[in-house]
Amino acid sequence: MAKKKSSEKVICQNKLARRNYAIEDTYEVGVVLVGTEVKALREGMGNLKDSYARIKDGEVYLHDMHIGPYSHGNIANHDPLRPKKLLLHKGEIKRLYSKTRERGLTLVPLKAYFVKGRVKIEIGLGKGKKLYDKRADLKRKEDRREMARGIKSRNWS
């Protein structure tokens, strides 16, 4: 898990990603945006729900990330659902391509944030969870909560 940077400002998160996918590895990538998209993201108009990344012709693209129109944009405002190009090194793209083809993994965007004024996207390499995996995770989470409550009540006695 990557450490949080002090100058990191989270724009939006994909909260269902870790519930629906077992994330094996994460990458911080840059993204190619137009001016009105960056301004709209500064206003908090981004949404990663139902978005995914796909490798095509040696480049990685982010699909279905919705960036709402900029409030002060005119007729030159951007298309909210246009595919956005992600910036990775060629070796990383090759490695991700081989993993998505061989082992059936997928690229899932986890969150979008600003680092030193630049928009970054955290993508995860994950495998889809089955229903019984989700149930096991919920049970584990509930057990941890109960143990924490028990320890907390014990300390107050």
N, C-alpha and C. Protein backbone atom coordinates (compact mmCIF):
# COMPACT_ATOMS: atom_id res chain seq x y z
N MET A 1 0.85 -1.17 0.00
CA MET A 1 0.00 0.00 0.00
C MET A 1 0.89 1.23 0.00
N ALA A 2 0.57 2.18 -0.86
CA ALA A 2 1.37 3.39 -0.98
C ALA A 2 1.12 4.32 0.20
N LYS A 3 2.19 5.00 0.62
CA LYS A 3 2.05 5.96 1.71
C LYS A 3 1.37 7.21 1.19
N LYS A 4 0.58 7.86 2.04
CA LYS A 4 -0.07 9.10 1.65
C LYS A 4 0.95 10.22 1.63
N LYS A 5 0.88 11.01 0.60
CA LYS A 5 1.77 12.17 0.49
C LYS A 5 1.11 13.34 1.20
N SER A 6 1.92 14.23 1.71
CA SER A 6 1.37 15.35 2.47
C SER A 6 0.62 16.32 1.57
N SER A 7 1.01 16.41 0.28
CA SER A 7 0.36 17.35 -0.62
C SER A 7 -0.73 16.68 -1.46
N GLU A 8 -1.28 15.58 -0.98
CA GLU A 8 -2.27 14.83 -1.73
C GLU A 8 -3.67 15.29 -1.37
N LYS A 9 -4.47 15.66 -2.39
CA LYS A 9 -5.86 16.06 -2.18
C LYS A 9 -6.74 15.12 -3.00
N VAL A 10 -7.51 14.28 -2.33
CA VAL A 10 -8.33 13.28 -3.01
C VAL A 10 -9.52 13.97 -3.68
N ILE A 11 -9.73 13.65 -4.96
CA ILE A 11 -10.85 14.18 -5.73
C ILE A 11 -12.05 13.26 -5.60
N CYS A 12 -11.83 11.97 -5.93
CA CYS A 12 -12.92 10.99 -5.86
C CYS A 12 -12.32 9.60 -5.68
N GLN A 13 -13.12 8.69 -5.15
CA GLN A 13 -12.70 7.32 -4.91
C GLN A 13 -13.72 6.36 -5.49
N ASN A 14 -13.24 5.18 -5.88
CA ASN A 14 -14.11 4.11 -6.32
C ASN A 14 -14.29 3.18 -5.13
N LYS A 15 -15.33 3.40 -4.35
CA LYS A 15 -15.50 2.67 -3.09
C LYS A 15 -15.86 1.21 -3.30
N LEU A 16 -16.47 0.89 -4.43
CA LEU A 16 -16.86 -0.50 -4.68
C LEU A 16 -15.71 -1.34 -5.23
N ALA A 17 -14.61 -0.71 -5.63
CA ALA A 17 -13.52 -1.45 -6.27
C ALA A 17 -12.93 -2.51 -5.34
N ARG A 18 -12.63 -2.15 -4.11
CA ARG A 18 -12.02 -3.11 -3.19
C ARG A 18 -13.02 -4.15 -2.72
N ARG A 19 -14.32 -3.85 -2.81
CA ARG A 19 -15.33 -4.83 -2.44
C ARG A 19 -15.51 -5.86 -3.56
N ASN A 20 -15.45 -5.41 -4.81
CA ASN A 20 -15.72 -6.30 -5.94
C ASN A 20 -14.48 -6.95 -6.53
N TYR A 21 -13.29 -6.44 -6.19
CA TYR A 21 -12.05 -6.96 -6.76
C TYR A 21 -11.03 -7.21 -5.65
N ALA A 22 -10.26 -8.28 -5.81
CA ALA A 22 -9.12 -8.54 -4.94
C ALA A 22 -7.92 -7.84 -5.59
N ILE A 23 -7.52 -6.71 -5.04
CA ILE A 23 -6.47 -5.89 -5.64
C ILE A 23 -5.11 -6.47 -5.25
N GLU A 24 -4.31 -6.82 -6.27
CA GLU A 24 -2.99 -7.40 -6.03
C GLU A 24 -1.88 -6.35 -6.02
N ASP A 25 -1.98 -5.37 -6.92
CA ASP A 25 -0.91 -4.40 -7.06
C ASP A 25 -1.52 -3.05 -7.44
N THR A 26 -0.90 -1.96 -7.01
CA THR A 26 -1.41 -0.63 -7.35
C THR A 26 -0.33 0.19 -8.04
N TYR A 27 -0.76 1.09 -8.91
CA TYR A 27 0.14 1.97 -9.64
C TYR A 27 -0.41 3.39 -9.57
N GLU A 28 0.49 4.35 -9.42
CA GLU A 28 0.12 5.76 -9.51
C GLU A 28 0.47 6.22 -10.91
N VAL A 29 -0.53 6.68 -11.66
CA VAL A 29 -0.31 7.06 -13.05
C VAL A 29 -0.81 8.48 -13.28
N GLY A 30 -0.20 9.14 -14.25
CA GLY A 30 -0.67 10.44 -14.67
C GLY A 30 -1.79 10.26 -15.68
N VAL A 31 -2.48 11.35 -15.97
CA VAL A 31 -3.59 11.27 -16.91
C VAL A 31 -3.58 12.52 -17.80
N VAL A 32 -3.88 12.33 -19.09
CA VAL A 32 -3.91 13.44 -20.04
C VAL A 32 -5.32 14.04 -20.02
N LEU A 33 -5.40 15.32 -19.64
CA LEU A 33 -6.69 16.00 -19.53
C LEU A 33 -6.64 17.32 -20.29
N VAL A 34 -7.81 17.84 -20.63
CA VAL A 34 -7.90 19.18 -21.21
C VAL A 34 -8.17 20.16 -20.07
N GLY A 35 -8.03 21.45 -20.34
CA GLY A 35 -8.11 22.47 -19.29
C GLY A 35 -9.41 22.48 -18.51
N THR A 36 -10.54 22.37 -19.20
CA THR A 36 -11.82 22.42 -18.49
C THR A 36 -12.02 21.19 -17.61
N GLU A 37 -11.40 20.06 -17.98
CA GLU A 37 -11.51 18.86 -17.14
C GLU A 37 -10.78 19.07 -15.82
N VAL A 38 -9.61 19.68 -15.87
CA VAL A 38 -8.85 19.93 -14.64
C VAL A 38 -9.61 20.91 -13.74
N LYS A 39 -10.18 21.93 -14.33
CA LYS A 39 -10.93 22.92 -13.55
C LYS A 39 -12.17 22.28 -12.93
N ALA A 40 -12.83 21.39 -13.68
CA ALA A 40 -14.01 20.71 -13.14
C ALA A 40 -13.60 19.77 -12.01
N LEU A 41 -12.44 19.12 -12.12
CA LEU A 41 -11.97 18.25 -11.04
C LEU A 41 -11.62 19.06 -9.80
N ARG A 42 -11.11 20.25 -9.98
CA ARG A 42 -10.85 21.11 -8.82
C ARG A 42 -12.15 21.47 -8.09
N GLU A 43 -13.25 21.52 -8.83
CA GLU A 43 -14.57 21.76 -8.23
C GLU A 43 -15.17 20.48 -7.65
N GLY A 44 -14.50 19.34 -7.82
CA GLY A 44 -14.99 18.07 -7.27
C GLY A 44 -16.02 17.40 -8.15
N MET A 45 -15.93 17.57 -9.46
CA MET A 45 -16.93 17.04 -10.38
C MET A 45 -16.56 15.67 -10.95
N GLY A 46 -15.61 14.96 -10.36
CA GLY A 46 -15.19 13.66 -10.90
C GLY A 46 -15.93 12.50 -10.26
N ASN A 47 -16.06 11.40 -11.02
CA ASN A 47 -16.72 10.20 -10.53
C ASN A 47 -16.07 8.98 -11.18
N LEU A 48 -15.57 8.06 -10.36
CA LEU A 48 -14.89 6.86 -10.86
C LEU A 48 -15.79 5.63 -10.86
N LYS A 49 -17.04 5.77 -10.46
CA LYS A 49 -17.92 4.61 -10.40
C LYS A 49 -18.11 4.01 -11.80
N ASP A 50 -18.04 2.71 -11.91
CA ASP A 50 -18.19 1.96 -13.17
C ASP A 50 -17.10 2.25 -14.19
N SER A 51 -16.00 2.84 -13.78
CA SER A 51 -14.92 3.11 -14.74
C SER A 51 -13.93 1.95 -14.73
N TYR A 52 -13.19 1.85 -15.83
CA TYR A 52 -12.21 0.77 -15.99
C TYR A 52 -11.11 1.26 -16.92
N ALA A 53 -9.97 0.59 -16.87
CA ALA A 53 -8.85 0.91 -17.74
C ALA A 53 -8.63 -0.24 -18.71
N ARG A 54 -8.22 0.11 -19.92
CA ARG A 54 -8.01 -0.91 -20.95
C ARG A 54 -6.75 -0.55 -21.73
N ILE A 55 -5.99 -1.58 -22.11
CA ILE A 55 -4.77 -1.39 -22.89
C ILE A 55 -5.11 -1.60 -24.36
N LYS A 56 -4.80 -0.59 -25.20
CA LYS A 56 -5.08 -0.68 -26.63
C LYS A 56 -3.92 -0.06 -27.40
N ASP A 57 -3.35 -0.80 -28.31
CA ASP A 57 -2.25 -0.34 -29.16
C ASP A 57 -1.06 0.17 -28.36
N GLY A 58 -0.72 -0.52 -27.27
CA GLY A 58 0.43 -0.15 -26.48
C GLY A 58 0.22 1.06 -25.58
N GLU A 59 -1.02 1.51 -25.42
CA GLU A 59 -1.33 2.64 -24.55
C GLU A 59 -2.49 2.26 -23.64
N VAL A 60 -2.54 2.89 -22.47
CA VAL A 60 -3.58 2.58 -21.50
C VAL A 60 -4.60 3.73 -21.49
N TYR A 61 -5.88 3.38 -21.59
CA TYR A 61 -6.95 4.37 -21.59
C TYR A 61 -7.91 4.10 -20.45
N LEU A 62 -8.41 5.17 -19.86
CA LEU A 62 -9.41 5.09 -18.80
C LEU A 62 -10.77 5.40 -19.41
N HIS A 63 -11.69 4.45 -19.28
CA HIS A 63 -13.02 4.58 -19.87
C HIS A 63 -14.05 4.81 -18.78
N ASP A 64 -15.10 5.54 -19.10
CA ASP A 64 -16.27 5.78 -18.26
C ASP A 64 -15.98 6.53 -16.96
N MET A 65 -14.88 7.26 -16.90
CA MET A 65 -14.68 8.17 -15.77
C MET A 65 -15.44 9.44 -16.11
N HIS A 66 -16.44 9.77 -15.32
CA HIS A 66 -17.28 10.92 -15.60
C HIS A 66 -16.69 12.16 -14.94
N ILE A 67 -16.40 13.16 -15.76
CA ILE A 67 -15.99 14.47 -15.26
C ILE A 67 -17.04 15.45 -15.73
N GLY A 68 -17.80 15.98 -14.80
CA GLY A 68 -18.89 16.90 -15.14
C GLY A 68 -18.39 18.14 -15.84
N PRO A 69 -19.28 18.84 -16.54
CA PRO A 69 -18.86 20.06 -17.24
C PRO A 69 -18.43 21.15 -16.27
N TYR A 70 -17.44 21.92 -16.68
CA TYR A 70 -16.95 23.04 -15.87
C TYR A 70 -18.01 24.13 -15.83
N SER A 71 -18.26 24.67 -14.65
CA SER A 71 -19.36 25.62 -14.46
C SER A 71 -19.19 26.89 -15.27
N HIS A 72 -17.96 27.36 -15.46
CA HIS A 72 -17.72 28.59 -16.21
C HIS A 72 -17.24 28.31 -17.63
N GLY A 73 -17.35 27.03 -18.05
CA GLY A 73 -16.95 26.68 -19.41
C GLY A 73 -18.00 27.17 -20.40
N ASN A 74 -17.54 27.45 -21.62
CA ASN A 74 -18.48 27.92 -22.64
C ASN A 74 -18.75 26.78 -23.62
N ILE A 75 -18.91 27.07 -24.89
CA ILE A 75 -19.21 26.03 -25.87
C ILE A 75 -18.02 25.10 -26.08
N ALA A 76 -16.84 25.47 -25.60
CA ALA A 76 -15.65 24.63 -25.74
C ALA A 76 -15.48 23.69 -24.56
N ASN A 77 -16.56 23.45 -23.80
CA ASN A 77 -16.48 22.54 -22.67
C ASN A 77 -16.23 21.11 -23.16
N HIS A 78 -15.69 20.28 -22.30
CA HIS A 78 -15.27 18.92 -22.67
C HIS A 78 -16.45 17.94 -22.66
N ASP A 79 -16.23 16.79 -23.31
CA ASP A 79 -17.19 15.68 -23.28
C ASP A 79 -17.00 14.94 -21.95
N PRO A 80 -18.05 14.77 -21.13
CA PRO A 80 -17.88 14.20 -19.80
C PRO A 80 -17.34 12.76 -19.76
N LEU A 81 -17.62 11.95 -20.78
CA LEU A 81 -17.23 10.54 -20.74
C LEU A 81 -16.14 10.17 -21.75
N ARG A 82 -15.39 11.11 -22.25
CA ARG A 82 -14.39 10.77 -23.24
C ARG A 82 -13.29 9.91 -22.63
N PRO A 83 -12.72 8.96 -23.40
CA PRO A 83 -11.62 8.13 -22.86
C PRO A 83 -10.40 8.99 -22.58
N LYS A 84 -9.77 8.76 -21.43
CA LYS A 84 -8.60 9.53 -21.05
C LYS A 84 -7.36 8.65 -21.10
N LYS A 85 -6.29 9.17 -21.67
CA LYS A 85 -5.05 8.41 -21.80
C LYS A 85 -4.30 8.46 -20.47
N LEU A 86 -3.84 7.29 -20.00
CA LEU A 86 -3.05 7.21 -18.78
C LEU A 86 -1.57 7.14 -19.14
N LEU A 87 -0.74 7.75 -18.31
CA LEU A 87 0.68 7.85 -18.59
C LEU A 87 1.47 6.86 -17.75
N LEU A 88 2.03 5.85 -18.41
CA LEU A 88 2.88 4.85 -17.77
C LEU A 88 4.11 4.64 -18.64
N HIS A 89 5.15 4.06 -18.05
CA HIS A 89 6.33 3.69 -18.82
C HIS A 89 6.01 2.49 -19.68
N LYS A 90 6.75 2.37 -20.79
CA LYS A 90 6.50 1.29 -21.74
C LYS A 90 6.66 -0.09 -21.09
N GLY A 91 7.65 -0.23 -20.21
CA GLY A 91 7.85 -1.52 -19.52
C GLY A 91 6.69 -1.87 -18.61
N GLU A 92 6.16 -0.85 -17.93
CA GLU A 92 4.99 -1.09 -17.07
C GLU A 92 3.77 -1.50 -17.89
N ILE A 93 3.59 -0.87 -19.04
CA ILE A 93 2.46 -1.21 -19.90
C ILE A 93 2.57 -2.65 -20.39
N LYS A 94 3.78 -3.05 -20.78
CA LYS A 94 3.98 -4.43 -21.24
C LYS A 94 3.70 -5.42 -20.12
N ARG A 95 4.16 -5.12 -18.92
CA ARG A 95 3.95 -6.00 -17.77
C ARG A 95 2.45 -6.11 -17.45
N LEU A 96 1.75 -4.98 -17.46
CA LEU A 96 0.32 -4.99 -17.20
C LEU A 96 -0.44 -5.73 -18.30
N TYR A 97 -0.04 -5.55 -19.54
CA TYR A 97 -0.69 -6.23 -20.65
C TYR A 97 -0.57 -7.75 -20.51
N SER A 98 0.64 -8.20 -20.16
CA SER A 98 0.83 -9.66 -20.03
C SER A 98 0.03 -10.22 -18.85
N LYS A 99 -0.04 -9.47 -17.75
CA LYS A 99 -0.80 -9.96 -16.59
C LYS A 99 -2.30 -9.99 -16.87
N THR A 100 -2.80 -8.98 -17.60
CA THR A 100 -4.24 -8.97 -17.89
C THR A 100 -4.60 -10.05 -18.89
N ARG A 101 -3.71 -10.43 -19.78
CA ARG A 101 -3.99 -11.47 -20.77
C ARG A 101 -3.84 -12.87 -20.18
N GLU A 102 -2.77 -13.11 -19.44
CA GLU A 102 -2.47 -14.47 -18.96
C GLU A 102 -3.35 -14.87 -17.77
N ARG A 103 -3.39 -14.05 -16.76
CA ARG A 103 -4.00 -14.47 -15.50
C ARG A 103 -5.43 -13.98 -15.32
N GLY A 104 -5.99 -13.30 -16.30
CA GLY A 104 -7.37 -12.86 -16.19
C GLY A 104 -7.59 -11.73 -15.21
N LEU A 105 -6.58 -10.90 -15.01
CA LEU A 105 -6.71 -9.75 -14.12
C LEU A 105 -7.25 -8.56 -14.90
N THR A 106 -7.73 -7.56 -14.20
CA THR A 106 -8.26 -6.36 -14.83
C THR A 106 -7.69 -5.12 -14.17
N LEU A 107 -7.72 -4.00 -14.88
CA LEU A 107 -7.22 -2.74 -14.35
C LEU A 107 -8.41 -1.92 -13.86
N VAL A 108 -8.40 -1.61 -12.57
CA VAL A 108 -9.51 -0.91 -11.94
C VAL A 108 -8.99 0.39 -11.33
N PRO A 109 -9.57 1.54 -11.69
CA PRO A 109 -9.17 2.79 -11.04
C PRO A 109 -9.71 2.84 -9.61
N LEU A 110 -8.84 3.17 -8.67
CA LEU A 110 -9.22 3.18 -7.25
C LEU A 110 -9.55 4.59 -6.75
N LYS A 111 -8.71 5.56 -7.12
CA LYS A 111 -8.99 6.94 -6.70
C LYS A 111 -8.28 7.92 -7.60
N ALA A 112 -8.78 9.15 -7.61
CA ALA A 112 -8.17 10.25 -8.35
C ALA A 112 -7.81 11.33 -7.33
N TYR A 113 -6.66 11.93 -7.49
CA TYR A 113 -6.21 12.93 -6.53
C TYR A 113 -5.20 13.88 -7.17
N PHE A 114 -4.98 15.00 -6.51
CA PHE A 114 -3.99 15.98 -6.94
C PHE A 114 -2.71 15.77 -6.14
N VAL A 115 -1.57 15.79 -6.83
CA VAL A 115 -0.26 15.79 -6.19
C VAL A 115 0.52 16.93 -6.83
N LYS A 116 0.83 17.95 -6.04
CA LYS A 116 1.57 19.12 -6.50
C LYS A 116 0.90 19.75 -7.72
N GLY A 117 -0.42 19.83 -7.71
CA GLY A 117 -1.15 20.48 -8.79
C GLY A 117 -1.43 19.60 -9.99
N ARG A 118 -0.96 18.36 -10.00
CA ARG A 118 -1.18 17.47 -11.13
C ARG A 118 -2.17 16.37 -10.73
N VAL A 119 -3.02 15.99 -11.67
CA VAL A 119 -4.01 14.95 -11.41
C VAL A 119 -3.34 13.59 -11.58
N LYS A 120 -3.48 12.76 -10.57
CA LYS A 120 -2.97 11.39 -10.61
C LYS A 120 -4.13 10.44 -10.37
N ILE A 121 -4.02 9.25 -10.94
CA ILE A 121 -5.03 8.22 -10.75
C ILE A 121 -4.31 6.99 -10.20
N GLU A 122 -4.87 6.40 -9.16
CA GLU A 122 -4.33 5.15 -8.63
C GLU A 122 -5.14 4.01 -9.25
N ILE A 123 -4.44 3.18 -10.03
CA ILE A 123 -5.12 2.03 -10.63
C ILE A 123 -4.62 0.77 -9.94
N GLY A 124 -5.50 -0.19 -9.83
CA GLY A 124 -5.16 -1.45 -9.20
C GLY A 124 -5.30 -2.60 -10.17
N LEU A 125 -4.43 -3.56 -10.04
CA LEU A 125 -4.50 -4.78 -10.83
C LEU A 125 -5.25 -5.79 -9.98
N GLY A 126 -6.46 -6.12 -10.37
CA GLY A 126 -7.29 -6.94 -9.51
C GLY A 126 -8.02 -8.05 -10.23
N LYS A 127 -8.45 -9.02 -9.44
CA LYS A 127 -9.24 -10.13 -9.94
C LYS A 127 -10.62 -10.05 -9.30
N GLY A 128 -11.65 -10.26 -10.09
CA GLY A 128 -13.01 -10.15 -9.59
C GLY A 128 -13.30 -11.17 -8.50
N LYS A 129 -14.00 -10.71 -7.45
CA LYS A 129 -14.35 -11.60 -6.34
C LYS A 129 -15.66 -12.31 -6.63
N LYS A 130 -15.78 -13.52 -6.15
CA LYS A 130 -17.04 -14.26 -6.20
C LYS A 130 -17.87 -13.86 -4.99
N LEU A 131 -19.12 -14.26 -4.98
CA LEU A 131 -20.03 -13.89 -3.90
C LEU A 131 -19.54 -14.43 -2.56
N TYR A 132 -19.02 -15.68 -2.56
CA TYR A 132 -18.57 -16.25 -1.30
C TYR A 132 -17.31 -15.55 -0.78
N ASP A 133 -16.48 -14.99 -1.67
CA ASP A 133 -15.32 -14.22 -1.23
C ASP A 133 -15.78 -12.94 -0.53
N LYS A 134 -16.81 -12.30 -1.09
CA LYS A 134 -17.33 -11.07 -0.49
C LYS A 134 -17.91 -11.35 0.89
N ARG A 135 -18.61 -12.47 1.01
CA ARG A 135 -19.20 -12.83 2.30
C ARG A 135 -18.10 -13.10 3.33
N ALA A 136 -17.04 -13.79 2.92
CA ALA A 136 -15.94 -14.08 3.83
C ALA A 136 -15.28 -12.78 4.30
N ASP A 137 -15.11 -11.82 3.38
CA ASP A 137 -14.52 -10.53 3.76
C ASP A 137 -15.40 -9.79 4.75
N LEU A 138 -16.72 -9.80 4.51
CA LEU A 138 -17.64 -9.13 5.44
C LEU A 138 -17.59 -9.78 6.81
N LYS A 139 -17.52 -11.11 6.86
CA LYS A 139 -17.45 -11.82 8.14
C LYS A 139 -16.16 -11.45 8.88
N ARG A 140 -15.03 -11.44 8.16
CA ARG A 140 -13.75 -11.07 8.76
C ARG A 140 -13.80 -9.65 9.31
N LYS A 141 -14.41 -8.74 8.56
CA LYS A 141 -14.51 -7.34 8.99
C LYS A 141 -15.37 -7.23 10.25
N GLU A 142 -16.49 -7.94 10.27
CA GLU A 142 -17.37 -7.91 11.44
C GLU A 142 -16.68 -8.51 12.67
N ASP A 143 -15.91 -9.59 12.48
CA ASP A 143 -15.18 -10.19 13.60
C ASP A 143 -14.16 -9.21 14.18
N ARG A 144 -13.47 -8.49 13.30
CA ARG A 144 -12.49 -7.50 13.78
C ARG A 144 -13.18 -6.41 14.59
N ARG A 145 -14.36 -5.97 14.11
CA ARG A 145 -15.10 -4.93 14.85
C ARG A 145 -15.50 -5.41 16.23
N GLU A 146 -15.98 -6.65 16.30
CA GLU A 146 -16.39 -7.20 17.59
C GLU A 146 -15.20 -7.32 18.55
N MET A 147 -14.05 -7.76 18.03
CA MET A 147 -12.86 -7.85 18.88
C MET A 147 -12.44 -6.48 19.38
N ALA A 148 -12.49 -5.48 18.50
CA ALA A 148 -12.12 -4.12 18.89
C ALA A 148 -13.08 -3.59 19.96
N ARG A 149 -14.37 -3.88 19.80
CA ARG A 149 -15.34 -3.45 20.81
C ARG A 149 -15.09 -4.13 22.14
N GLY A 150 -14.75 -5.41 22.09
CA GLY A 150 -14.47 -6.15 23.32
C GLY A 150 -13.25 -5.61 24.04
N ILE A 151 -12.22 -5.29 23.31
CA ILE A 151 -11.00 -4.73 23.91
C ILE A 151 -11.29 -3.35 24.48
N LYS A 152 -12.07 -2.57 23.75
CA LYS A 152 -12.39 -1.20 24.21
C LYS A 152 -13.21 -1.25 25.48
N SER A 153 -14.22 -2.13 25.55
CA SER A 153 -15.05 -2.22 26.75
C SER A 153 -14.26 -2.79 27.93
N ARG A 154 -13.31 -3.64 27.65
CA ARG A 154 -12.48 -4.21 28.70
C ARG A 154 -11.59 -3.15 29.35
N ASN A 155 -11.09 -2.23 28.52
CA ASN A 155 -10.21 -1.18 29.04
C ASN A 155 -10.97 -0.19 29.91
N TRP A 156 -12.24 -0.01 29.68
CA TRP A 156 -13.03 0.93 30.46
C TRP A 156 -13.45 0.35 31.81
N SER A 157 -13.42 -0.95 31.96
CA SER A 157 -13.86 -1.58 33.22
C SER A 157 -12.93 -1.33 34.36
